[in-house]
Amino acid sequence: MVAEETIKSGESFAVRTTRRGKHDFTSIDVNVIVGAKIKEKLENPVNLDYPDKVVWIEIFNDKAYISITQEQAIKKPKDTRTLKILQKLSIIQMPYLEDLEGAYRMGVRIGRAAQAFEVGELVIAPTELCKAEEFESFLKGILEGRNSRYRIQKKNYPRKVKLVPIKIYDLFQLARSRFGEVFVTTSARGKPIDQETCKQIKEIIDSEKRINVFIGSREGIPTGIMRWSKLIVNLCPGITFATEHGIPAIITAILTCCFAT
């Protein structure tokens, strides 16, 4: 047994598997089974975060390759700053209402993006009367996208994953209820992400407990909300991108500004 020759008594270990090809099992299945066998044979402790040794398994179609390395060779510093920043963000998304299938598909993508970043909350905020069927289809997509991504995260992440809360509130009523908090709005009429804007974003993140980020849909954020906004940003000057790209684009910009300045 390779592990017996390499993992010393008392050393902790973790198993990492990568697969290529079609199999009737997952990488996690391999991690669990191999890890259990090593633990049974050697009685060494498992440590998924900072193991002394890592058992690497590469599966390519019907062949498997194994190597064992010192943890220092792959150690990465545990950085919780990103999650702390993301937890401050309240994403306020105007709904995408079109045909039922289109609304559902867009909802799936937006829900998945919000959960992928584990933001503080996702608020769906209409500005006017909506057709119930279209709104229902969009919300179904939001919940399906969030839940599907959450299931993947729970299965694959070694840490506890937060399920992003989904809420509904009229856009203007929400703005009134949070008057005095910081509003950041995405708009083609805003400032580009430059050094000055990045400095502002970092100052906001460092000083505020919650940042309300407004993202439009087929229509942009109303002018009244912009007047209350501390910062209006143009994420891609000269380009109008799809609604589903709003969350990844603004969060990428925020994180880049926080870590680059």
C-alpha atoms as a PDB file:
ATOM      1  CA  MET A   1       0.000   0.000   0.000  1.00  0.00           C
ATOM      2  CA  VAL A   2       1.552   3.300  -1.135  1.00  0.00           C
ATOM      3  CA  ALA A   3       0.114   5.228   1.828  1.00  0.00           C
ATOM      4  CA  GLU A   4       1.894   2.925   4.309  1.00  0.00           C
ATOM      5  CA  GLU A   5       5.249   3.791   2.778  1.00  0.00           C
ATOM      6  CA  THR A   6       4.687   7.564   2.693  1.00  0.00           C
ATOM      7  CA  ILE A   7       2.293   8.639   5.475  1.00  0.00           C
ATOM      8  CA  LYS A   8       3.988   8.403   8.845  1.00  0.00           C
ATOM      9  CA  SER A   9       2.288   7.481  12.092  1.00  0.00           C
ATOM     10  CA  GLY A  10       0.271  10.397  13.471  1.00  0.00           C
ATOM     11  CA  GLU A  11       0.392  12.464  10.269  1.00  0.00           C
ATOM     12  CA  SER A  12      -2.924  13.837   9.047  1.00  0.00           C
ATOM     13  CA  PHE A  13      -3.961  13.389   5.433  1.00  0.00           C
ATOM     14  CA  ALA A  14      -6.538  14.336   2.801  1.00  0.00           C
ATOM     15  CA  VAL A  15      -7.505  12.738  -0.506  1.00  0.00           C
ATOM     16  CA  ARG A  16      -7.982  14.891  -3.632  1.00  0.00           C
ATOM     17  CA  THR A  17      -9.385  13.307  -6.794  1.00  0.00           C
ATOM     18  CA  THR A  18      -9.672  14.618 -10.344  1.00  0.00           C
ATOM     19  CA  ARG A  19     -11.524  12.649 -13.015  1.00  0.00           C
ATOM     20  CA  ARG A  20     -11.635  12.827 -16.798  1.00  0.00           C
ATOM     21  CA  GLY A  21     -14.022  10.675 -18.737  1.00  0.00           C
ATOM     22  CA  LYS A  22     -17.370   9.090 -17.922  1.00  0.00           C
ATOM     23  CA  HIS A  23     -17.756   7.144 -14.674  1.00  0.00           C
ATOM     24  CA  ASP A  24     -20.624   5.900 -12.539  1.00  0.00           C
ATOM     25  CA  PHE A  25     -19.020   7.507  -9.463  1.00  0.00           C
ATOM     26  CA  THR A  26     -17.921  11.007  -8.471  1.00  0.00           C
ATOM     27  CA  SER A  27     -14.587  12.408  -7.334  1.00  0.00           C
ATOM     28  CA  ILE A  28     -16.093  12.835  -3.874  1.00  0.00           C
ATOM     29  CA  ASP A  29     -16.995   9.119  -3.840  1.00  0.00           C
ATOM     30  CA  VAL A  30     -13.335   8.271  -4.478  1.00  0.00           C
ATOM     31  CA  ASN A  31     -12.161  10.687  -1.765  1.00  0.00           C
ATOM     32  CA  VAL A  32     -14.502   9.141   0.788  1.00  0.00           C
ATOM     33  CA  ILE A  33     -13.740   5.499  -0.034  1.00  0.00           C
ATOM     34  CA  VAL A  34      -9.952   5.889  -0.293  1.00  0.00           C
ATOM     35  CA  GLY A  35      -9.843   8.112   2.784  1.00  0.00           C
ATOM     36  CA  ALA A  36     -11.819   5.564   4.788  1.00  0.00           C
ATOM     37  CA  LYS A  37      -9.500   2.735   3.717  1.00  0.00           C
ATOM     38  CA  ILE A  38      -6.369   4.673   4.669  1.00  0.00           C
ATOM     39  CA  LYS A  39      -7.855   5.683   8.013  1.00  0.00           C
ATOM     40  CA  GLU A  40      -8.898   2.068   8.703  1.00  0.00           C
ATOM     41  CA  LYS A  41      -5.466   0.692   7.799  1.00  0.00           C
ATOM     42  CA  LEU A  42      -3.193   3.326   9.334  1.00  0.00           C
ATOM     43  CA  GLU A  43      -5.490   4.967  11.907  1.00  0.00           C
ATOM     44  CA  ASN A  44      -4.187   8.379  10.832  1.00  0.00           C
ATOM     45  CA  PRO A  45      -6.408  11.465  11.247  1.00  0.00           C
ATOM     46  CA  VAL A  46      -8.116  13.193   8.324  1.00  0.00           C
ATOM     47  CA  ASN A  47      -7.595  16.947   7.925  1.00  0.00           C
ATOM     48  CA  LEU A  48      -9.270  18.482   4.874  1.00  0.00           C
ATOM     49  CA  ASP A  49      -7.947  22.007   5.477  1.00  0.00           C
ATOM     50  CA  TYR A  50      -4.275  21.573   6.442  1.00  0.00           C
ATOM     51  CA  PRO A  51      -3.214  17.937   6.088  1.00  0.00           C
ATOM     52  CA  ASP A  52       0.388  16.847   6.576  1.00  0.00           C
ATOM     53  CA  LYS A  53       0.146  14.702   3.443  1.00  0.00           C
ATOM     54  CA  VAL A  54      -2.138  14.841   0.409  1.00  0.00           C
ATOM     55  CA  VAL A  55      -3.075  11.745  -1.593  1.00  0.00           C
ATOM     56  CA  TRP A  56      -3.594  12.884  -5.189  1.00  0.00           C
ATOM     57  CA  ILE A  57      -5.657  10.618  -7.451  1.00  0.00           C
ATOM     58  CA  GLU A  58      -5.930  11.341 -11.175  1.00  0.00           C
ATOM     59  CA  ILE A  59      -8.438   9.161 -13.035  1.00  0.00           C
ATOM     60  CA  PHE A  60      -8.332   9.243 -16.821  1.00  0.00           C
ATOM     61  CA  ASN A  61     -11.013   7.021 -18.355  1.00  0.00           C
ATOM     62  CA  ASP A  62     -10.160   3.527 -17.007  1.00  0.00           C
ATOM     63  CA  LYS A  63      -6.694   4.349 -15.624  1.00  0.00           C
ATOM     64  CA  ALA A  64      -5.827   5.785 -12.201  1.00  0.00           C
ATOM     65  CA  TYR A  65      -2.610   7.517 -11.136  1.00  0.00           C
ATOM     66  CA  ILE A  66      -1.685   8.167  -7.491  1.00  0.00           C
ATOM     67  CA  SER A  67       0.889  10.405  -5.853  1.00  0.00           C
ATOM     68  CA  ILE A  68       1.410  11.575  -2.276  1.00  0.00           C
ATOM     69  CA  THR A  69       2.948  14.955  -1.486  1.00  0.00           C
ATOM     70  CA  GLN A  70       3.842  17.019   1.517  1.00  0.00           C
ATOM     71  CA  GLU A  71       1.115  19.491   2.428  1.00  0.00           C
ATOM     72  CA  GLN A  72       3.554  22.395   2.063  1.00  0.00           C
ATOM     73  CA  ALA A  73       3.746  21.718  -1.660  1.00  0.00           C
ATOM     74  CA  ILE A  74       0.103  22.704  -2.141  1.00  0.00           C
ATOM     75  CA  LYS A  75      -0.631  24.801   0.951  1.00  0.00           C
ATOM     76  CA  LYS A  76      -2.556  27.978   0.365  1.00  0.00           C
ATOM     77  CA  PRO A  77      -3.206  30.538   3.074  1.00  0.00           C
ATOM     78  CA  LYS A  78      -6.729  30.401   4.400  1.00  0.00           C
ATOM     79  CA  ASP A  79      -8.215  33.774   3.494  1.00  0.00           C
ATOM     80  CA  THR A  80     -11.663  34.643   4.831  1.00  0.00           C
ATOM     81  CA  ARG A  81     -11.641  38.251   3.626  1.00  0.00           C
ATOM     82  CA  THR A  82     -13.534  37.471   0.434  1.00  0.00           C
ATOM     83  CA  LEU A  83     -16.449  35.816   2.222  1.00  0.00           C
ATOM     84  CA  LYS A  84     -16.614  38.658   4.750  1.00  0.00           C
ATOM     85  CA  ILE A  85     -16.899  41.172   1.908  1.00  0.00           C
ATOM     86  CA  LEU A  86     -19.532  39.130   0.073  1.00  0.00           C
ATOM     87  CA  GLN A  87     -21.641  38.814   3.225  1.00  0.00           C
ATOM     88  CA  LYS A  88     -21.968  42.605   3.309  1.00  0.00           C
ATOM     89  CA  LEU A  89     -23.611  42.715  -0.105  1.00  0.00           C
ATOM     90  CA  SER A  90     -27.358  42.965  -0.512  1.00  0.00           C
ATOM     91  CA  ILE A  91     -27.962  42.363  -4.212  1.00  0.00           C
ATOM     92  CA  ILE A  92     -31.151  44.101  -5.310  1.00  0.00           C
ATOM     93  CA  GLN A  93     -32.141  42.677  -8.672  1.00  0.00           C
ATOM     94  CA  MET A  94     -34.977  43.917 -10.871  1.00  0.00           C
ATOM     95  CA  PRO A  95     -36.875  40.905 -12.258  1.00  0.00           C
ATOM     96  CA  TYR A  96     -36.496  39.744 -15.838  1.00  0.00           C
ATOM     97  CA  LEU A  97     -40.033  39.283 -17.132  1.00  0.00           C
ATOM     98  CA  GLU A  98     -40.647  38.042 -20.634  1.00  0.00           C
ATOM     99  CA  ASP A  99     -42.167  34.786 -21.842  1.00  0.00           C
ATOM    100  CA  LEU A 100     -42.462  32.145 -19.124  1.00  0.00           C
ATOM    101  CA  GLU A 101     -39.549  30.007 -20.340  1.00  0.00           C
ATOM    102  CA  GLY A 102     -37.269  32.999 -20.850  1.00  0.00           C
ATOM    103  CA  ALA A 103     -38.063  34.350 -17.375  1.00  0.00           C
ATOM    104  CA  TYR A 104     -37.386  30.944 -15.831  1.00  0.00           C
ATOM    105  CA  ARG A 105     -34.039  30.450 -17.590  1.00  0.00           C
ATOM    106  CA  MET A 106     -32.855  33.918 -16.601  1.00  0.00           C
ATOM    107  CA  GLY A 107     -33.966  33.292 -13.028  1.00  0.00           C
ATOM    108  CA  VAL A 108     -31.904  30.094 -12.880  1.00  0.00           C
ATOM    109  CA  ARG A 109     -28.770  31.941 -13.993  1.00  0.00           C
ATOM    110  CA  ILE A 110     -29.236  34.816 -11.564  1.00  0.00           C
ATOM    111  CA  GLY A 111     -30.025  32.517  -8.629  1.00  0.00           C
ATOM    112  CA  ARG A 112     -26.987  30.389  -9.400  1.00  0.00           C
ATOM    113  CA  ALA A 113     -24.722  33.453  -9.577  1.00  0.00           C
ATOM    114  CA  ALA A 114     -25.953  34.834  -6.250  1.00  0.00           C
ATOM    115  CA  GLN A 115     -25.383  31.495  -4.519  1.00  0.00           C
ATOM    116  CA  ALA A 116     -22.005  30.959  -6.167  1.00  0.00           C
ATOM    117  CA  PHE A 117     -20.741  34.128  -4.465  1.00  0.00           C
ATOM    118  CA  GLU A 118     -22.669  33.477  -1.222  1.00  0.00           C
ATOM    119  CA  VAL A 119     -23.817  37.101  -0.982  1.00  0.00           C
ATOM    120  CA  GLY A 120     -25.593  38.410   2.090  1.00  0.00           C
ATOM    121  CA  GLU A 121     -28.985  38.306   0.400  1.00  0.00           C
ATOM    122  CA  LEU A 122     -30.695  38.502  -2.986  1.00  0.00           C
ATOM    123  CA  VAL A 123     -33.713  40.789  -3.130  1.00  0.00           C
ATOM    124  CA  ILE A 124     -35.994  40.584  -6.163  1.00  0.00           C
ATOM    125  CA  ALA A 125     -37.378  44.098  -6.525  1.00  0.00           C
ATOM    126  CA  PRO A 126     -40.049  44.948  -9.122  1.00  0.00           C
ATOM    127  CA  THR A 127     -40.908  48.581  -9.812  1.00  0.00           C
ATOM    128  CA  GLU A 128     -44.433  48.114 -11.180  1.00  0.00           C
ATOM    129  CA  LEU A 129     -47.266  45.647 -11.586  1.00  0.00           C
ATOM    130  CA  CYS A 130     -46.141  42.288 -12.937  1.00  0.00           C
ATOM    131  CA  LYS A 131     -47.995  39.447 -14.555  1.00  0.00           C
ATOM    132  CA  ALA A 132     -48.288  36.781 -11.886  1.00  0.00           C
ATOM    133  CA  GLU A 133     -47.372  33.928 -14.232  1.00  0.00           C
ATOM    134  CA  GLU A 134     -44.191  35.631 -15.461  1.00  0.00           C
ATOM    135  CA  PHE A 135     -43.129  36.615 -11.951  1.00  0.00           C
ATOM    136  CA  GLU A 136     -43.799  33.101 -10.661  1.00  0.00           C
ATOM    137  CA  SER A 137     -41.719  31.587 -13.474  1.00  0.00           C
ATOM    138  CA  PHE A 138     -38.830  33.962 -12.755  1.00  0.00           C
ATOM    139  CA  LEU A 139     -38.922  33.163  -9.025  1.00  0.00           C
ATOM    140  CA  LYS A 140     -39.014  29.430  -9.700  1.00  0.00           C
ATOM    141  CA  GLY A 141     -35.864  29.859 -11.755  1.00  0.00           C
ATOM    142  CA  ILE A 142     -34.209  31.942  -9.027  1.00  0.00           C
ATOM    143  CA  LEU A 143     -34.874  29.272  -6.409  1.00  0.00           C
ATOM    144  CA  GLU A 144     -33.864  26.406  -8.689  1.00  0.00           C
ATOM    145  CA  GLY A 145     -30.593  28.125  -9.625  1.00  0.00           C
ATOM    146  CA  ARG A 146     -29.764  28.915  -6.025  1.00  0.00           C
ATOM    147  CA  ASN A 147     -30.636  25.461  -4.724  1.00  0.00           C
ATOM    148  CA  SER A 148     -28.788  23.569  -7.461  1.00  0.00           C
ATOM    149  CA  ARG A 149     -25.606  25.561  -6.841  1.00  0.00           C
ATOM    150  CA  TYR A 150     -25.989  25.150  -3.065  1.00  0.00           C
ATOM    151  CA  ARG A 151     -26.191  21.362  -3.412  1.00  0.00           C
ATOM    152  CA  ILE A 152     -22.941  21.326  -5.396  1.00  0.00           C
ATOM    153  CA  GLN A 153     -21.210  23.590  -2.876  1.00  0.00           C
ATOM    154  CA  LYS A 154     -22.318  21.472   0.095  1.00  0.00           C
ATOM    155  CA  LYS A 155     -21.038  18.338  -1.586  1.00  0.00           C
ATOM    156  CA  ASN A 156     -17.663  19.725  -2.634  1.00  0.00           C
ATOM    157  CA  TYR A 157     -16.632  22.441  -0.178  1.00  0.00           C
ATOM    158  CA  PRO A 158     -14.743  21.454   2.982  1.00  0.00           C
ATOM    159  CA  ARG A 159     -16.273  24.421   4.850  1.00  0.00           C
ATOM    160  CA  LYS A 160     -19.824  25.267   5.816  1.00  0.00           C
ATOM    161  CA  VAL A 161     -21.749  26.897   2.970  1.00  0.00           C
ATOM    162  CA  LYS A 162     -24.362  29.591   3.458  1.00  0.00           C
ATOM    163  CA  LEU A 163     -27.689  29.310   1.628  1.00  0.00           C
ATOM    164  CA  VAL A 164     -28.356  32.789   0.235  1.00  0.00           C
ATOM    165  CA  PRO A 165     -31.708  34.223   1.454  1.00  0.00           C
ATOM    166  CA  ILE A 166     -34.107  35.187  -1.358  1.00  0.00           C
ATOM    167  CA  LYS A 167     -36.492  38.050  -0.619  1.00  0.00           C
ATOM    168  CA  ILE A 168     -39.084  40.123  -2.500  1.00  0.00           C
ATOM    169  CA  TYR A 169     -39.669  43.823  -1.979  1.00  0.00           C
ATOM    170  CA  ASP A 170     -40.923  46.724  -4.069  1.00  0.00           C
ATOM    171  CA  LEU A 171     -37.823  48.579  -5.271  1.00  0.00           C
ATOM    172  CA  PHE A 172     -38.925  52.023  -4.123  1.00  0.00           C
ATOM    173  CA  GLN A 173     -40.231  50.827  -0.754  1.00  0.00           C
ATOM    174  CA  LEU A 174     -36.963  49.005  -0.140  1.00  0.00           C
ATOM    175  CA  ALA A 175     -34.967  52.132  -0.968  1.00  0.00           C
ATOM    176  CA  ARG A 176     -37.094  54.194   1.425  1.00  0.00           C
ATOM    177  CA  SER A 177     -36.763  51.625   4.199  1.00  0.00           C
ATOM    178  CA  ARG A 178     -32.960  51.635   3.843  1.00  0.00           C
ATOM    179  CA  PHE A 179     -32.524  55.346   3.336  1.00  0.00           C
ATOM    180  CA  GLY A 180     -29.260  56.375   4.949  1.00  0.00           C
ATOM    181  CA  GLU A 181     -27.481  53.159   4.006  1.00  0.00           C
ATOM    182  CA  VAL A 182     -25.015  53.050   1.119  1.00  0.00           C
ATOM    183  CA  PHE A 183     -26.485  52.443  -2.348  1.00  0.00           C
ATOM    184  CA  VAL A 184     -24.277  51.349  -5.243  1.00  0.00           C
ATOM    185  CA  THR A 185     -25.986  51.288  -8.633  1.00  0.00           C
ATOM    186  CA  THR A 186     -24.937  49.761 -11.933  1.00  0.00           C
ATOM    187  CA  SER A 187     -25.726  51.908 -14.962  1.00  0.00           C
ATOM    188  CA  ALA A 188     -24.345  52.858 -18.367  1.00  0.00           C
ATOM    189  CA  ARG A 189     -24.478  56.440 -17.074  1.00  0.00           C
ATOM    190  CA  GLY A 190     -22.057  55.677 -14.246  1.00  0.00           C
ATOM    191  CA  LYS A 191     -18.321  56.017 -13.733  1.00  0.00           C
ATOM    192  CA  PRO A 192     -15.965  53.418 -15.191  1.00  0.00           C
ATOM    193  CA  ILE A 193     -13.975  51.233 -12.809  1.00  0.00           C
ATOM    194  CA  ASP A 194     -10.780  53.249 -12.548  1.00  0.00           C
ATOM    195  CA  GLN A 195      -8.348  53.972  -9.729  1.00  0.00           C
ATOM    196  CA  GLU A 196     -10.568  56.645  -8.188  1.00  0.00           C
ATOM    197  CA  THR A 197     -13.680  54.457  -8.318  1.00  0.00           C
ATOM    198  CA  CYS A 198     -11.779  51.533  -6.817  1.00  0.00           C
ATOM    199  CA  LYS A 199     -10.656  53.716  -3.933  1.00  0.00           C
ATOM    200  CA  GLN A 200     -14.286  54.706  -3.279  1.00  0.00           C
ATOM    201  CA  ILE A 201     -15.448  51.089  -3.401  1.00  0.00           C
ATOM    202  CA  LYS A 202     -12.779  49.969  -0.942  1.00  0.00           C
ATOM    203  CA  GLU A 203     -13.656  52.791   1.461  1.00  0.00           C
ATOM    204  CA  ILE A 204     -17.327  51.787   1.298  1.00  0.00           C
ATOM    205  CA  ILE A 205     -16.562  48.114   1.930  1.00  0.00           C
ATOM    206  CA  ASP A 206     -14.253  48.933   4.841  1.00  0.00           C
ATOM    207  CA  SER A 207     -16.686  51.293   6.574  1.00  0.00           C
ATOM    208  CA  GLU A 208     -20.186  49.872   6.009  1.00  0.00           C
ATOM    209  CA  LYS A 209     -21.999  46.894   7.527  1.00  0.00           C
ATOM    210  CA  ARG A 210     -24.292  46.479   4.518  1.00  0.00           C
ATOM    211  CA  ILE A 211     -23.951  47.720   0.946  1.00  0.00           C
ATOM    212  CA  ASN A 212     -27.067  47.748  -1.237  1.00  0.00           C
ATOM    213  CA  VAL A 213     -26.135  46.956  -4.836  1.00  0.00           C
ATOM    214  CA  PHE A 214     -28.846  47.744  -7.415  1.00  0.00           C
ATOM    215  CA  ILE A 215     -28.844  45.813 -10.701  1.00  0.00           C
ATOM    216  CA  GLY A 216     -31.283  46.488 -13.522  1.00  0.00           C
ATOM    217  CA  SER A 217     -32.861  44.092 -15.959  1.00  0.00           C
ATOM    218  CA  ARG A 218     -34.364  44.762 -19.353  1.00  0.00           C
ATOM    219  CA  GLU A 219     -34.833  48.281 -18.028  1.00  0.00           C
ATOM    220  CA  GLY A 220     -32.229  50.122 -16.016  1.00  0.00           C
ATOM    221  CA  ILE A 221     -32.429  51.263 -12.409  1.00  0.00           C
ATOM    222  CA  PRO A 222     -34.856  54.228 -12.051  1.00  0.00           C
ATOM    223  CA  THR A 223     -33.341  57.702 -11.913  1.00  0.00           C
ATOM    224  CA  GLY A 224     -34.750  58.308  -8.429  1.00  0.00           C
ATOM    225  CA  ILE A 225     -32.650  55.466  -7.011  1.00  0.00           C
ATOM    226  CA  MET A 226     -29.563  56.850  -8.718  1.00  0.00           C
ATOM    227  CA  ARG A 227     -30.049  60.189  -6.966  1.00  0.00           C
ATOM    228  CA  TRP A 228     -29.788  58.377  -3.628  1.00  0.00           C
ATOM    229  CA  SER A 229     -26.770  56.331  -4.695  1.00  0.00           C
ATOM    230  CA  LYS A 230     -23.351  57.048  -3.254  1.00  0.00           C
ATOM    231  CA  LEU A 231     -21.733  55.478  -6.293  1.00  0.00           C
ATOM    232  CA  ILE A 232     -22.962  54.720  -9.828  1.00  0.00           C
ATOM    233  CA  VAL A 233     -20.665  52.444 -11.802  1.00  0.00           C
ATOM    234  CA  ASN A 234     -20.451  51.571 -15.473  1.00  0.00           C
ATOM    235  CA  LEU A 235     -19.041  48.069 -15.471  1.00  0.00           C
ATOM    236  CA  CYS A 236     -18.283  47.894 -19.189  1.00  0.00           C
ATOM    237  CA  PRO A 237     -18.303  51.260 -20.989  1.00  0.00           C
ATOM    238  CA  GLY A 238     -19.645  51.011 -24.520  1.00  0.00           C
ATOM    239  CA  ILE A 239     -21.081  47.515 -24.004  1.00  0.00           C
ATOM    240  CA  THR A 240     -24.541  46.473 -22.846  1.00  0.00           C
ATOM    241  CA  PHE A 241     -24.285  42.988 -21.372  1.00  0.00           C
ATOM    242  CA  ALA A 242     -27.003  40.502 -20.474  1.00  0.00           C
ATOM    243  CA  THR A 243     -28.938  40.701 -17.212  1.00  0.00           C
ATOM    244  CA  GLU A 244     -27.396  37.432 -16.000  1.00  0.00           C
ATOM    245  CA  HIS A 245     -23.925  39.001 -16.056  1.00  0.00           C
ATOM    246  CA  GLY A 246     -24.805  41.768 -13.606  1.00  0.00           C
ATOM    247  CA  ILE A 247     -24.018  39.917 -10.382  1.00  0.00           C
ATOM    248  CA  PRO A 248     -20.697  38.352 -11.490  1.00  0.00           C
ATOM    249  CA  ALA A 249     -19.551  41.634 -13.048  1.00  0.00           C
ATOM    250  CA  ILE A 250     -20.225  43.926 -10.073  1.00  0.00           C
ATOM    251  CA  ILE A 251     -18.878  41.424  -7.528  1.00  0.00           C
ATOM    252  CA  THR A 252     -15.710  40.857  -9.560  1.00  0.00           C
ATOM    253  CA  ALA A 253     -15.219  44.624  -9.738  1.00  0.00           C
ATOM    254  CA  ILE A 254     -15.774  45.048  -5.987  1.00  0.00           C
ATOM    255  CA  LEU A 255     -13.359  42.262  -5.043  1.00  0.00           C
ATOM    256  CA  THR A 256     -10.718  43.444  -7.483  1.00  0.00           C
ATOM    257  CA  CYS A 257     -10.890  46.955  -6.022  1.00  0.00           C
ATOM    258  CA  CYS A 258     -10.695  45.634  -2.452  1.00  0.00           C
ATOM    259  CA  PHE A 259      -7.620  43.497  -3.064  1.00  0.00           C
ATOM    260  CA  ALA A 260      -5.831  45.667  -5.612  1.00  0.00           C
ATOM    261  CA  THR A 261      -5.803  48.944  -3.679  1.00  0.00           C
END
